[in-house]
């Protein structure tokens, strides 16, 4: 599924941005805009202004608290899922869920200007020592350690691939120490995102991100979550808030469906729920599909494999995502 990268949203004429988004909505029906946390607040304000002027409930704005590389990985995962039989509301809601399965950080040559993760005075002082390197985890749990042979960061408890974007700092510690300690199933390299030096406060950076690469696993994660219908705009969503109209929950009045938009089977007391920590058969990544039940307003529902012929869609990119085929 293609992605449209919205360039210079805060600097281009308002009517140009308005026309671009209107074209995307007309072409695809629904649009999910993934706005990087590295982008200026003016970008988000402009996007909200455009959505208000369009008076549209078919544009979802999502700004995950991820570093640039993590945001790009999340956008690519949503692009992959857009090729499956997932409704627009569920696809847009999946962004919050999938962030729980992304571990994002960086190897830095200095933390003197780092404001994304708490930095103590000792680490600030060590930044002035030539050759110092710091391993920083920004998501899901902020952590900072001095990089070295015995240094460790808390990693995922399930199988992932490690994506490495080498900048002005060699990636030796990331590939030689971090990847084995996280039991990475493999390591892939990619260019450093343009926003990374500003986000991390230094050009001496190598960014890394552990992620789930398998589309079938991503699909099963999303479709295993209980779905309800927004009481305001009527779109199917997962979680406690509609990402298109921002309406919150209203009691238990929503219709319950599975992640593919079909009615949930069984009565109110038998919805195919899985206890937290349950692992599905044939799962090569060790994912415990009930884990996210304790991290947000998610209930678990049985899900099936991706639709026949569904394939991953291209390399990672940030921007506007068409919300599903025919959405």
C-alpha atoms as a PDB file:
ATOM      1  CA  UNK A   1       0.000   0.000   0.000  1.00  0.00           C
ATOM      2  CA  UNK A   2       1.559   3.337  -1.028  1.00  0.00           C
ATOM      3  CA  UNK A   3       2.284   6.166   1.390  1.00  0.00           C
ATOM      4  CA  UNK A   4       2.164   9.860   0.562  1.00  0.00           C
ATOM      5  CA  UNK A   5       4.857  11.902   2.303  1.00  0.00           C
ATOM      6  CA  UNK A   6       3.472  15.333   3.198  1.00  0.00           C
ATOM      7  CA  UNK A   7       6.342  17.770   2.661  1.00  0.00           C
ATOM      8  CA  UNK A   8       6.730  21.163   4.392  1.00  0.00           C
ATOM      9  CA  UNK A   9       3.227  21.107   5.832  1.00  0.00           C
ATOM     10  CA  UNK A  10       3.903  24.089   8.088  1.00  0.00           C
ATOM     11  CA  UNK A  11       5.606  26.204   5.375  1.00  0.00           C
ATOM     12  CA  UNK A  12       3.522  25.629   2.267  1.00  0.00           C
ATOM     13  CA  UNK A  13       0.382  27.679   1.576  1.00  0.00           C
ATOM     14  CA  UNK A  14      -2.607  26.394   3.523  1.00  0.00           C
ATOM     15  CA  UNK A  15      -4.710  25.848   0.410  1.00  0.00           C
ATOM     16  CA  UNK A  16      -2.000  23.627  -1.127  1.00  0.00           C
ATOM     17  CA  UNK A  17      -1.917  21.326   1.910  1.00  0.00           C
ATOM     18  CA  UNK A  18      -5.710  21.352   2.021  1.00  0.00           C
ATOM     19  CA  UNK A  19      -5.936  20.304  -1.621  1.00  0.00           C
ATOM     20  CA  UNK A  20      -3.355  17.527  -1.148  1.00  0.00           C
ATOM     21  CA  UNK A  21      -5.174  15.967   1.783  1.00  0.00           C
ATOM     22  CA  UNK A  22      -8.540  16.334   0.060  1.00  0.00           C
ATOM     23  CA  UNK A  23      -7.151  14.449  -2.941  1.00  0.00           C
ATOM     24  CA  UNK A  24      -5.961  11.623  -0.698  1.00  0.00           C
ATOM     25  CA  UNK A  25      -9.342  11.381   1.039  1.00  0.00           C
ATOM     26  CA  UNK A  26     -11.171  11.387  -2.302  1.00  0.00           C
ATOM     27  CA  UNK A  27      -8.861   8.677  -3.637  1.00  0.00           C
ATOM     28  CA  UNK A  28      -8.725   6.328  -0.642  1.00  0.00           C
ATOM     29  CA  UNK A  29     -11.732   7.184   1.533  1.00  0.00           C
ATOM     30  CA  UNK A  30      -9.804   7.398   4.816  1.00  0.00           C
ATOM     31  CA  UNK A  31      -6.299   8.698   5.552  1.00  0.00           C
ATOM     32  CA  UNK A  32      -4.032   8.057   8.557  1.00  0.00           C
ATOM     33  CA  UNK A  33      -1.379  10.734   9.098  1.00  0.00           C
ATOM     34  CA  UNK A  34       1.629   9.538  11.126  1.00  0.00           C
ATOM     35  CA  UNK A  35       3.327  12.668  12.437  1.00  0.00           C
ATOM     36  CA  UNK A  36       6.801  12.149  13.871  1.00  0.00           C
ATOM     37  CA  UNK A  37       7.522  13.490  17.352  1.00  0.00           C
ATOM     38  CA  UNK A  38      10.580  15.109  15.783  1.00  0.00           C
ATOM     39  CA  UNK A  39       8.382  17.365  13.660  1.00  0.00           C
ATOM     40  CA  UNK A  40       7.713  20.942  14.730  1.00  0.00           C
ATOM     41  CA  UNK A  41       4.510  21.555  16.753  1.00  0.00           C
ATOM     42  CA  UNK A  42       3.541  23.866  13.879  1.00  0.00           C
ATOM     43  CA  UNK A  43       3.182  20.793  11.670  1.00  0.00           C
ATOM     44  CA  UNK A  44       0.598  19.203  13.958  1.00  0.00           C
ATOM     45  CA  UNK A  45      -1.258  22.509  14.326  1.00  0.00           C
ATOM     46  CA  UNK A  46      -1.422  22.917  10.558  1.00  0.00           C
ATOM     47  CA  UNK A  47      -2.698  19.364  10.103  1.00  0.00           C
ATOM     48  CA  UNK A  48      -5.426  19.912  12.701  1.00  0.00           C
ATOM     49  CA  UNK A  49      -6.367  23.173  11.027  1.00  0.00           C
ATOM     50  CA  UNK A  50      -6.680  21.452   7.672  1.00  0.00           C
ATOM     51  CA  UNK A  51      -8.803  18.670   9.120  1.00  0.00           C
ATOM     52  CA  UNK A  52     -11.091  21.230  10.771  1.00  0.00           C
ATOM     53  CA  UNK A  53     -11.476  23.187   7.536  1.00  0.00           C
ATOM     54  CA  UNK A  54     -12.350  19.995   5.697  1.00  0.00           C
ATOM     55  CA  UNK A  55     -14.885  19.134   8.418  1.00  0.00           C
ATOM     56  CA  UNK A  56     -13.820  15.556   7.866  1.00  0.00           C
ATOM     57  CA  UNK A  57     -13.999  12.571  10.173  1.00  0.00           C
ATOM     58  CA  UNK A  58     -11.990  10.523   7.674  1.00  0.00           C
ATOM     59  CA  UNK A  59      -8.534  11.826   8.656  1.00  0.00           C
ATOM     60  CA  UNK A  60      -6.785  10.297  11.667  1.00  0.00           C
ATOM     61  CA  UNK A  61      -3.804  12.146  13.145  1.00  0.00           C
ATOM     62  CA  UNK A  62      -1.383  10.005  15.102  1.00  0.00           C
ATOM     63  CA  UNK A  63       1.792  11.341  16.721  1.00  0.00           C
ATOM     64  CA  UNK A  64       3.567   8.465  18.502  1.00  0.00           C
ATOM     65  CA  UNK A  65       6.179   9.260  21.121  1.00  0.00           C
ATOM     66  CA  UNK A  66       8.861   7.384  19.205  1.00  0.00           C
ATOM     67  CA  UNK A  67      12.283   8.459  17.905  1.00  0.00           C
ATOM     68  CA  UNK A  68      12.474   9.063  14.134  1.00  0.00           C
ATOM     69  CA  UNK A  69      13.557   5.513  13.240  1.00  0.00           C
ATOM     70  CA  UNK A  70      10.862   3.982  15.454  1.00  0.00           C
ATOM     71  CA  UNK A  71       8.209   6.209  13.884  1.00  0.00           C
ATOM     72  CA  UNK A  72       9.341   5.128  10.405  1.00  0.00           C
ATOM     73  CA  UNK A  73       9.118   1.452  11.428  1.00  0.00           C
ATOM     74  CA  UNK A  74       5.613   1.972  12.805  1.00  0.00           C
ATOM     75  CA  UNK A  75       4.518   3.713   9.607  1.00  0.00           C
ATOM     76  CA  UNK A  76       5.825   0.787   7.562  1.00  0.00           C
ATOM     77  CA  UNK A  77       3.956  -1.716   9.754  1.00  0.00           C
ATOM     78  CA  UNK A  78       0.728   0.226   9.223  1.00  0.00           C
ATOM     79  CA  UNK A  79       1.412   0.226   5.480  1.00  0.00           C
ATOM     80  CA  UNK A  80       1.825  -3.555   5.586  1.00  0.00           C
ATOM     81  CA  UNK A  81      -1.441  -3.986   7.484  1.00  0.00           C
ATOM     82  CA  UNK A  82      -3.255  -1.671   5.061  1.00  0.00           C
ATOM     83  CA  UNK A  83      -2.967  -4.430   2.447  1.00  0.00           C
ATOM     84  CA  UNK A  84      -4.981  -6.802   4.654  1.00  0.00           C
ATOM     85  CA  UNK A  85      -8.724  -7.018   5.304  1.00  0.00           C
ATOM     86  CA  UNK A  86      -8.665  -4.567   8.225  1.00  0.00           C
ATOM     87  CA  UNK A  87     -11.154  -1.713   8.459  1.00  0.00           C
ATOM     88  CA  UNK A  88      -9.903   1.917   8.492  1.00  0.00           C
ATOM     89  CA  UNK A  89     -10.798   2.542  12.144  1.00  0.00           C
ATOM     90  CA  UNK A  90      -9.074  -0.618  13.349  1.00  0.00           C
ATOM     91  CA  UNK A  91      -5.993   0.119  11.225  1.00  0.00           C
ATOM     92  CA  UNK A  92      -5.723   3.652  12.628  1.00  0.00           C
ATOM     93  CA  UNK A  93      -6.284   2.409  16.187  1.00  0.00           C
ATOM     94  CA  UNK A  94      -3.552  -0.216  15.717  1.00  0.00           C
ATOM     95  CA  UNK A  95      -0.864   2.459  15.892  1.00  0.00           C
ATOM     96  CA  UNK A  96      -1.114   2.775  19.664  1.00  0.00           C
ATOM     97  CA  UNK A  97      -1.148  -0.990  20.105  1.00  0.00           C
ATOM     98  CA  UNK A  98       1.872  -1.681  17.900  1.00  0.00           C
ATOM     99  CA  UNK A  99       4.040   0.883  19.710  1.00  0.00           C
ATOM    100  CA  UNK A 100       4.085  -1.545  22.658  1.00  0.00           C
ATOM    101  CA  UNK A 101       6.083  -3.962  20.483  1.00  0.00           C
ATOM    102  CA  UNK A 102       8.734  -1.478  19.343  1.00  0.00           C
ATOM    103  CA  UNK A 103      11.987  -0.961  21.253  1.00  0.00           C
ATOM    104  CA  UNK A 104      13.738   2.173  20.033  1.00  0.00           C
ATOM    105  CA  UNK A 105      16.976   3.818  21.112  1.00  0.00           C
ATOM    106  CA  UNK A 106      20.362   5.048  19.999  1.00  0.00           C
ATOM    107  CA  UNK A 107      24.088   4.951  20.614  1.00  0.00           C
ATOM    108  CA  UNK A 108      25.231   8.529  21.316  1.00  0.00           C
ATOM    109  CA  UNK A 109      28.608  10.224  21.528  1.00  0.00           C
ATOM    110  CA  UNK A 110      27.194  12.908  23.837  1.00  0.00           C
ATOM    111  CA  UNK A 111      24.128  13.374  26.035  1.00  0.00           C
ATOM    112  CA  UNK A 112      24.831  17.014  26.897  1.00  0.00           C
ATOM    113  CA  UNK A 113      21.856  18.172  24.799  1.00  0.00           C
ATOM    114  CA  UNK A 114      19.641  15.107  25.180  1.00  0.00           C
ATOM    115  CA  UNK A 115      16.219  16.050  26.559  1.00  0.00           C
ATOM    116  CA  UNK A 116      14.180  13.002  25.530  1.00  0.00           C
ATOM    117  CA  UNK A 117      15.455  10.764  28.332  1.00  0.00           C
ATOM    118  CA  UNK A 118      16.402  11.711  31.930  1.00  0.00           C
ATOM    119  CA  UNK A 119      20.165  12.351  32.145  1.00  0.00           C
ATOM    120  CA  UNK A 120      21.988  12.612  35.491  1.00  0.00           C
ATOM    121  CA  UNK A 121      24.871  14.979  36.208  1.00  0.00           C
ATOM    122  CA  UNK A 122      27.456  12.195  36.034  1.00  0.00           C
ATOM    123  CA  UNK A 123      26.410  11.298  32.482  1.00  0.00           C
ATOM    124  CA  UNK A 124      26.500  14.976  31.518  1.00  0.00           C
ATOM    125  CA  UNK A 125      30.058  15.238  32.871  1.00  0.00           C
ATOM    126  CA  UNK A 126      31.157  12.101  31.011  1.00  0.00           C
ATOM    127  CA  UNK A 127      29.894  13.627  27.767  1.00  0.00           C
ATOM    128  CA  UNK A 128      32.939  15.892  27.832  1.00  0.00           C
ATOM    129  CA  UNK A 129      35.358  12.940  28.017  1.00  0.00           C
ATOM    130  CA  UNK A 130      36.705  12.151  24.524  1.00  0.00           C
ATOM    131  CA  UNK A 131      35.551   8.787  23.200  1.00  0.00           C
ATOM    132  CA  UNK A 132      32.598   8.399  25.570  1.00  0.00           C
ATOM    133  CA  UNK A 133      29.590   6.554  24.227  1.00  0.00           C
ATOM    134  CA  UNK A 134      26.134   6.163  25.734  1.00  0.00           C
ATOM    135  CA  UNK A 135      23.465   3.574  25.004  1.00  0.00           C
ATOM    136  CA  UNK A 136      20.016   5.115  25.318  1.00  0.00           C
ATOM    137  CA  UNK A 137      16.620   3.442  25.196  1.00  0.00           C
ATOM    138  CA  UNK A 138      13.811   5.931  24.548  1.00  0.00           C
ATOM    139  CA  UNK A 139      10.886   3.511  24.192  1.00  0.00           C
ATOM    140  CA  UNK A 140       9.165   1.684  25.792  1.00  0.00           C
ATOM    141  CA  UNK A 141      11.111   2.380  29.011  1.00  0.00           C
ATOM    142  CA  UNK A 142      13.632   5.265  29.146  1.00  0.00           C
ATOM    143  CA  UNK A 143      17.086   4.036  30.114  1.00  0.00           C
ATOM    144  CA  UNK A 144      20.632   5.367  29.754  1.00  0.00           C
ATOM    145  CA  UNK A 145      23.873   3.471  30.338  1.00  0.00           C
ATOM    146  CA  UNK A 146      27.490   4.038  29.389  1.00  0.00           C
ATOM    147  CA  UNK A 147      28.197   1.830  26.387  1.00  0.00           C
ATOM    148  CA  UNK A 148      30.792  -0.852  26.930  1.00  0.00           C
ATOM    149  CA  UNK A 149      31.335  -4.628  26.859  1.00  0.00           C
ATOM    150  CA  UNK A 150      29.183  -5.225  29.966  1.00  0.00           C
ATOM    151  CA  UNK A 151      26.524  -2.595  29.325  1.00  0.00           C
ATOM    152  CA  UNK A 152      22.943  -3.737  28.776  1.00  0.00           C
ATOM    153  CA  UNK A 153      19.560  -2.245  27.965  1.00  0.00           C
ATOM    154  CA  UNK A 154      16.215  -3.938  28.715  1.00  0.00           C
ATOM    155  CA  UNK A 155      15.089  -5.582  25.481  1.00  0.00           C
ATOM    156  CA  UNK A 156      12.002  -7.267  24.082  1.00  0.00           C
ATOM    157  CA  UNK A 157      10.818 -10.544  25.567  1.00  0.00           C
ATOM    158  CA  UNK A 158       9.915 -11.882  22.144  1.00  0.00           C
ATOM    159  CA  UNK A 159      11.770 -12.445  18.896  1.00  0.00           C
ATOM    160  CA  UNK A 160      12.491  -9.336  16.823  1.00  0.00           C
ATOM    161  CA  UNK A 161      14.708  -8.063  14.059  1.00  0.00           C
ATOM    162  CA  UNK A 162      17.008  -5.152  14.794  1.00  0.00           C
ATOM    163  CA  UNK A 163      17.081  -2.217  12.396  1.00  0.00           C
ATOM    164  CA  UNK A 164      20.268  -0.122  12.610  1.00  0.00           C
ATOM    165  CA  UNK A 165      20.747   3.362  11.137  1.00  0.00           C
ATOM    166  CA  UNK A 166      24.428   4.279  11.392  1.00  0.00           C
ATOM    167  CA  UNK A 167      25.307   7.957  11.552  1.00  0.00           C
ATOM    168  CA  UNK A 168      28.579   9.612  12.572  1.00  0.00           C
ATOM    169  CA  UNK A 169      29.112   7.018  15.308  1.00  0.00           C
ATOM    170  CA  UNK A 170      30.216   3.446  14.432  1.00  0.00           C
ATOM    171  CA  UNK A 171      27.541   0.816  15.038  1.00  0.00           C
ATOM    172  CA  UNK A 172      29.939  -1.789  16.470  1.00  0.00           C
ATOM    173  CA  UNK A 173      28.415  -1.806  19.975  1.00  0.00           C
ATOM    174  CA  UNK A 174      24.894  -2.070  18.583  1.00  0.00           C
ATOM    175  CA  UNK A 175      25.622  -4.984  16.252  1.00  0.00           C
ATOM    176  CA  UNK A 176      28.221  -6.717  18.443  1.00  0.00           C
ATOM    177  CA  UNK A 177      26.776  -6.316  21.941  1.00  0.00           C
ATOM    178  CA  UNK A 178      23.170  -5.135  21.850  1.00  0.00           C
ATOM    179  CA  UNK A 179      21.893  -7.428  19.085  1.00  0.00           C
ATOM    180  CA  UNK A 180      23.107 -10.654  20.799  1.00  0.00           C
ATOM    181  CA  UNK A 181      21.847  -9.512  24.217  1.00  0.00           C
ATOM    182  CA  UNK A 182      18.408  -8.874  22.732  1.00  0.00           C
ATOM    183  CA  UNK A 183      18.484 -12.253  20.934  1.00  0.00           C
ATOM    184  CA  UNK A 184      17.783 -10.493  17.647  1.00  0.00           C
ATOM    185  CA  UNK A 185      16.690 -12.836  14.883  1.00  0.00           C
ATOM    186  CA  UNK A 186      18.609 -10.704  12.418  1.00  0.00           C
ATOM    187  CA  UNK A 187      20.086  -7.266  11.815  1.00  0.00           C
ATOM    188  CA  UNK A 188      19.200  -4.911   8.971  1.00  0.00           C
ATOM    189  CA  UNK A 189      20.772  -1.589   8.063  1.00  0.00           C
ATOM    190  CA  UNK A 190      19.094   1.560   6.806  1.00  0.00           C
ATOM    191  CA  UNK A 191      20.111   5.211   6.300  1.00  0.00           C
ATOM    192  CA  UNK A 192      19.844   7.476   9.336  1.00  0.00           C
ATOM    193  CA  UNK A 193      16.623   9.545   9.277  1.00  0.00           C
ATOM    194  CA  UNK A 194      17.218  13.239   8.641  1.00  0.00           C
ATOM    195  CA  UNK A 195      15.463  14.187  11.905  1.00  0.00           C
ATOM    196  CA  UNK A 196      17.561  11.898  14.112  1.00  0.00           C
ATOM    197  CA  UNK A 197      20.451  14.264  15.031  1.00  0.00           C
ATOM    198  CA  UNK A 198      18.017  16.967  16.165  1.00  0.00           C
ATOM    199  CA  UNK A 199      15.854  14.485  18.086  1.00  0.00           C
ATOM    200  CA  UNK A 200      18.832  12.966  19.943  1.00  0.00           C
ATOM    201  CA  UNK A 201      20.650  16.283  20.437  1.00  0.00           C
ATOM    202  CA  UNK A 202      23.853  15.251  18.659  1.00  0.00           C
ATOM    203  CA  UNK A 203      25.160  14.304  15.236  1.00  0.00           C
ATOM    204  CA  UNK A 204      27.256  11.542  16.818  1.00  0.00           C
ATOM    205  CA  UNK A 205      24.459   9.009  16.744  1.00  0.00           C
ATOM    206  CA  UNK A 206      23.584   5.537  15.530  1.00  0.00           C
ATOM    207  CA  UNK A 207      19.903   4.791  15.933  1.00  0.00           C
ATOM    208  CA  UNK A 208      18.411   1.328  16.408  1.00  0.00           C
ATOM    209  CA  UNK A 209      14.950  -0.179  16.607  1.00  0.00           C
ATOM    210  CA  UNK A 210      13.752  -3.713  17.418  1.00  0.00           C
ATOM    211  CA  UNK A 211      10.536  -4.623  15.598  1.00  0.00           C
ATOM    212  CA  UNK A 212       8.267  -7.454  14.496  1.00  0.00           C
ATOM    213  CA  UNK A 213       8.893  -8.024  10.770  1.00  0.00           C
ATOM    214  CA  UNK A 214       6.299 -10.712  10.081  1.00  0.00           C
ATOM    215  CA  UNK A 215       3.021  -9.425   8.607  1.00  0.00           C
ATOM    216  CA  UNK A 216       1.083 -12.458   9.826  1.00  0.00           C
ATOM    217  CA  UNK A 217       2.154 -11.753  13.426  1.00  0.00           C
ATOM    218  CA  UNK A 218       1.217  -8.082  13.140  1.00  0.00           C
ATOM    219  CA  UNK A 219      -2.141  -9.060  11.680  1.00  0.00           C
ATOM    220  CA  UNK A 220      -2.845 -11.526  14.454  1.00  0.00           C
ATOM    221  CA  UNK A 221      -1.906  -8.970  17.111  1.00  0.00           C
ATOM    222  CA  UNK A 222      -4.361  -6.437  15.732  1.00  0.00           C
ATOM    223  CA  UNK A 223      -7.227  -8.808  14.981  1.00  0.00           C
ATOM    224  CA  UNK A 224      -6.930 -10.488  18.400  1.00  0.00           C
ATOM    225  CA  UNK A 225      -8.071  -7.280  20.101  1.00  0.00           C
ATOM    226  CA  UNK A 226     -11.726  -6.703  20.935  1.00  0.00           C
ATOM    227  CA  UNK A 227     -13.347  -4.177  18.633  1.00  0.00           C
ATOM    228  CA  UNK A 228     -16.283  -1.855  19.255  1.00  0.00           C
ATOM    229  CA  UNK A 229     -18.118   0.809  17.296  1.00  0.00           C
ATOM    230  CA  UNK A 230     -17.653   4.524  17.967  1.00  0.00           C
ATOM    231  CA  UNK A 231     -20.943   5.876  19.310  1.00  0.00           C
ATOM    232  CA  UNK A 232     -20.342   9.221  17.547  1.00  0.00           C
ATOM    233  CA  UNK A 233     -19.141   8.531  13.999  1.00  0.00           C
ATOM    234  CA  UNK A 234     -20.015   4.832  13.782  1.00  0.00           C
ATOM    235  CA  UNK A 235     -16.588   3.590  12.700  1.00  0.00           C
ATOM    236  CA  UNK A 236     -15.146   0.338  14.095  1.00  0.00           C
ATOM    237  CA  UNK A 237     -12.212   0.903  16.466  1.00  0.00           C
ATOM    238  CA  UNK A 238     -10.062  -0.846  19.054  1.00  0.00           C
ATOM    239  CA  UNK A 239      -9.063   0.790  22.322  1.00  0.00           C
ATOM    240  CA  UNK A 240     -10.922   3.427  24.303  1.00  0.00           C
ATOM    241  CA  UNK A 241     -10.967   6.367  21.869  1.00  0.00           C
ATOM    242  CA  UNK A 242     -11.902   6.872  18.240  1.00  0.00           C
ATOM    243  CA  UNK A 243      -8.884   8.061  16.259  1.00  0.00           C
ATOM    244  CA  UNK A 244     -11.009   9.730  13.589  1.00  0.00           C
ATOM    245  CA  UNK A 245     -13.468  11.817  15.634  1.00  0.00           C
ATOM    246  CA  UNK A 246     -11.688  11.600  19.064  1.00  0.00           C
ATOM    247  CA  UNK A 247     -14.872  10.480  20.825  1.00  0.00           C
ATOM    248  CA  UNK A 248     -14.298   8.606  24.078  1.00  0.00           C
ATOM    249  CA  UNK A 249     -16.113   5.508  25.323  1.00  0.00           C
ATOM    250  CA  UNK A 250     -19.785   5.588  26.272  1.00  0.00           C
ATOM    251  CA  UNK A 251     -20.401   2.717  28.647  1.00  0.00           C
ATOM    252  CA  UNK A 252     -20.788  -0.710  27.084  1.00  0.00           C
ATOM    253  CA  UNK A 253     -23.084   0.434  24.270  1.00  0.00           C
ATOM    254  CA  UNK A 254     -20.672  -0.279  21.401  1.00  0.00           C
ATOM    255  CA  UNK A 255     -21.180  -3.301  19.201  1.00  0.00           C
ATOM    256  CA  UNK A 256     -18.420  -5.864  19.672  1.00  0.00           C
ATOM    257  CA  UNK A 257     -16.730  -7.277  16.612  1.00  0.00           C
ATOM    258  CA  UNK A 258     -13.454  -8.912  15.798  1.00  0.00           C
ATOM    259  CA  UNK A 259     -10.617  -6.949  14.198  1.00  0.00           C
ATOM    260  CA  UNK A 260     -11.771  -7.659  10.657  1.00  0.00           C
ATOM    261  CA  UNK A 261     -15.197  -6.051  11.154  1.00  0.00           C
ATOM    262  CA  UNK A 262     -17.231  -9.288  11.407  1.00  0.00           C
ATOM    263  CA  UNK A 263     -19.574  -9.860  14.373  1.00  0.00           C
ATOM    264  CA  UNK A 264     -17.922 -11.500  17.354  1.00  0.00           C
ATOM    265  CA  UNK A 265     -19.054 -15.054  17.928  1.00  0.00           C
ATOM    266  CA  UNK A 266     -20.605 -16.284  21.134  1.00  0.00           C
ATOM    267  CA  UNK A 267     -22.545 -14.503  23.846  1.00  0.00           C
ATOM    268  CA  UNK A 268     -21.418 -11.755  26.167  1.00  0.00           C
ATOM    269  CA  UNK A 269     -19.672 -14.250  28.393  1.00  0.00           C
ATOM    270  CA  UNK A 270     -17.982 -16.199  25.594  1.00  0.00           C
ATOM    271  CA  UNK A 271     -16.166 -13.925  23.209  1.00  0.00           C
ATOM    272  CA  UNK A 272     -13.123 -16.050  22.554  1.00  0.00           C
ATOM    273  CA  UNK A 273     -11.037 -14.125  25.085  1.00  0.00           C
ATOM    274  CA  UNK A 274      -7.506 -15.266  25.851  1.00  0.00           C
ATOM    275  CA  UNK A 275      -5.989 -14.914  29.306  1.00  0.00           C
ATOM    276  CA  UNK A 276      -3.107 -12.448  29.570  1.00  0.00           C
ATOM    277  CA  UNK A 277       0.154 -14.113  28.612  1.00  0.00           C
ATOM    278  CA  UNK A 278      -1.383 -16.717  26.283  1.00  0.00           C
ATOM    279  CA  UNK A 279       0.798 -17.702  23.334  1.00  0.00           C
ATOM    280  CA  UNK A 280      -0.745 -18.959  20.093  1.00  0.00           C
ATOM    281  CA  UNK A 281       0.354 -22.208  18.398  1.00  0.00           C
ATOM    282  CA  UNK A 282       2.766 -21.846  15.513  1.00  0.00           C
ATOM    283  CA  UNK A 283       4.067 -18.503  16.742  1.00  0.00           C
ATOM    284  CA  UNK A 284       7.787 -18.268  15.894  1.00  0.00           C
ATOM    285  CA  UNK A 285       8.340 -14.966  17.707  1.00  0.00           C
ATOM    286  CA  UNK A 286       7.251 -15.984  21.201  1.00  0.00           C
ATOM    287  CA  UNK A 287       4.598 -13.242  21.266  1.00  0.00           C
ATOM    288  CA  UNK A 288       2.266 -13.481  24.223  1.00  0.00           C
ATOM    289  CA  UNK A 289      -0.857 -11.967  22.765  1.00  0.00           C
ATOM    290  CA  UNK A 290      -2.384 -11.093  26.119  1.00  0.00           C
ATOM    291  CA  UNK A 291       0.532  -8.874  27.155  1.00  0.00           C
ATOM    292  CA  UNK A 292      -0.980  -5.681  25.791  1.00  0.00           C
ATOM    293  CA  UNK A 293      -4.186  -6.345  27.760  1.00  0.00           C
ATOM    294  CA  UNK A 294      -2.451  -4.928  30.838  1.00  0.00           C
ATOM    295  CA  UNK A 295      -1.033  -1.894  29.010  1.00  0.00           C
ATOM    296  CA  UNK A 296      -4.211  -0.388  27.645  1.00  0.00           C
ATOM    297  CA  UNK A 297      -7.977  -0.809  27.230  1.00  0.00           C
ATOM    298  CA  UNK A 298      -7.657  -3.887  25.030  1.00  0.00           C
ATOM    299  CA  UNK A 299      -9.529  -7.177  25.198  1.00  0.00           C
ATOM    300  CA  UNK A 300      -8.439 -10.234  23.250  1.00  0.00           C
ATOM    301  CA  UNK A 301     -10.432 -11.850  20.469  1.00  0.00           C
ATOM    302  CA  UNK A 302      -9.510 -14.708  18.160  1.00  0.00           C
ATOM    303  CA  UNK A 303      -8.073 -13.586  14.816  1.00  0.00           C
ATOM    304  CA  UNK A 304      -7.153 -15.354  11.581  1.00  0.00           C
ATOM    305  CA  UNK A 305      -4.289 -15.120   9.116  1.00  0.00           C
ATOM    306  CA  UNK A 306      -3.853 -12.282   6.644  1.00  0.00           C
ATOM    307  CA  UNK A 307      -6.002 -12.234   3.543  1.00  0.00           C
ATOM    308  CA  UNK A 308      -4.737 -14.311   0.655  1.00  0.00           C
ATOM    309  CA  UNK A 309      -2.277 -12.423  -1.481  1.00  0.00           C
ATOM    310  CA  UNK A 310      -1.519  -9.782   1.156  1.00  0.00           C
ATOM    311  CA  UNK A 311       2.100  -8.738   0.928  1.00  0.00           C
ATOM    312  CA  UNK A 312       4.342  -6.200   2.683  1.00  0.00           C
ATOM    313  CA  UNK A 313       4.365  -2.813   0.992  1.00  0.00           C
ATOM    314  CA  UNK A 314       7.728  -1.237   0.357  1.00  0.00           C
ATOM    315  CA  UNK A 315      10.250   0.364   2.659  1.00  0.00           C
ATOM    316  CA  UNK A 316       9.517   2.505   5.684  1.00  0.00           C
ATOM    317  CA  UNK A 317       8.261   6.046   5.219  1.00  0.00           C
ATOM    318  CA  UNK A 318       6.449   8.586   7.293  1.00  0.00           C
ATOM    319  CA  UNK A 319       3.449  10.513   6.118  1.00  0.00           C
ATOM    320  CA  UNK A 320      -0.139   9.914   5.105  1.00  0.00           C
ATOM    321  CA  UNK A 321      -1.286   6.305   4.828  1.00  0.00           C
ATOM    322  CA  UNK A 322      -4.325   5.216   2.832  1.00  0.00           C
ATOM    323  CA  UNK A 323      -6.477   3.313   5.332  1.00  0.00           C
ATOM    324  CA  UNK A 324      -6.973  -0.058   3.737  1.00  0.00           C
ATOM    325  CA  UNK A 325      -8.032  -1.129   0.253  1.00  0.00           C
ATOM    326  CA  UNK A 326     -11.315   0.358  -0.766  1.00  0.00           C
ATOM    327  CA  UNK A 327     -11.507   2.223   2.589  1.00  0.00           C
END
